[in-house]
């Protein structure tokens, strides 16, 4: 029997079954709120103190839910938890980042005895079946575009809870909703099991890459006789190598551009990249004349984030954030730029710099201080061997990264399939069969 359809009024959804509704979220949900609902910024600062040790409740950030990277946890005391009662989490809430990672969606499952929502996200509370359905609904590409277009921001994608409350979504009758949720739970669990297997393969390859780089920069690629050192990092090195303080090999430089119109270089996990400021993605500065100049052969390091930051040797002229550390080899004729690039990157991959860091990791301020960096010892083989090691690492790492990229593409295909499957059912394009 042909199902009667009607227009949803939502462009990407199109027509929906006649017994479905298109409603603003505020008419579907019991609560749509965030961290700032509890008081002014001054009042929040007075009543909520972040702690980097376990306390009465966890302050749950989207970084704690994404599993993209390891993060230190943040906690609050009982007073702060009670003060933030508007946004306390109990399980089942839909959490949407509303600044930065807009488009991600989480269905909160308790990860601590008591929890409350951190800034930069909005939580949705509704009947259990509605929360689950909305979680799937906001997992689609179409809903992502809706969220992206909510805020009308020119510098960074963001929206507020009032805009979210007025967002129109489609909703089926309760009986159909329960069937859709149950069906998608089963199908998505199966897809996620494949994604997990692929991720385990990626993790194994990443570990192999770290091992290849560490062994090569610390012991070379030929079976040389090793000697003990007094370093906890490089315990054994070849007999004809030395451990040399960074300050004897490199100098830190800071040359302010004083003008705009120069390519902006950002430090990413894929190396130094020219930033496309026209896309309005990521952090945007009001003025770039205060940025520092980077010349080809300069090294640029994000020394403020030792967990997910990176370091690279530039092949381009440009400017970069004044917060980054720019440094250069003092004797390029007798040292290999590529070898020392891999030494520095090894210190990120193997969390060597992280172990030397100082600051407050829970607030994203875990920095490698200048003195710690300059006094850190690195392996210094003869120049010819430096070049041989660099060639070896380049070949091995590029092969491993090709395999990793193939695995990442497999994950992307699986995620695309999952999102398409979800969209078909949460918009009524397909019905769950009775079988």
Foldseek 3Di string as FASTA:
>chain_A
DDFDWDAQPQVVLGIAGPQKHKAFQLVFFPDKFAQCVLDDPVVLVVQWDKDQDDEDEWADEVVNVPPPFDARTIGTYPRSCVSSVNFKDDFQKKKAQFWAPGLDIDGDDDPDPTYGYDPRIMITHGPNLVSLLVRLVSNFPSVSVVQQPQCPDQQTRGDDRVSNSGDIAMGHPPVQSVLLSVVLVVVVVVLVVVLVVLVVVLVVLLVVLLVLLLCCQQENDDPADWDADPDPRNGIYHPQKDWDFQLVWKDWDFAQQQADDWFEWDFAPVGTDGDDSNVSHDHDDPGRSRFGWDDQQKKKWQQFALAGTAIAGDRHTGTYHPNIIIMHTPCCPWAPSLLVNSQRRSCSSVVVQQVQWDDRRNVSGTGRDPVNRRGGIGMGHGRVSSVVSSVVSVVVVVVSVVVSVVSVVVSVVSSVVSNVVSSCSSSNVDGDDPD
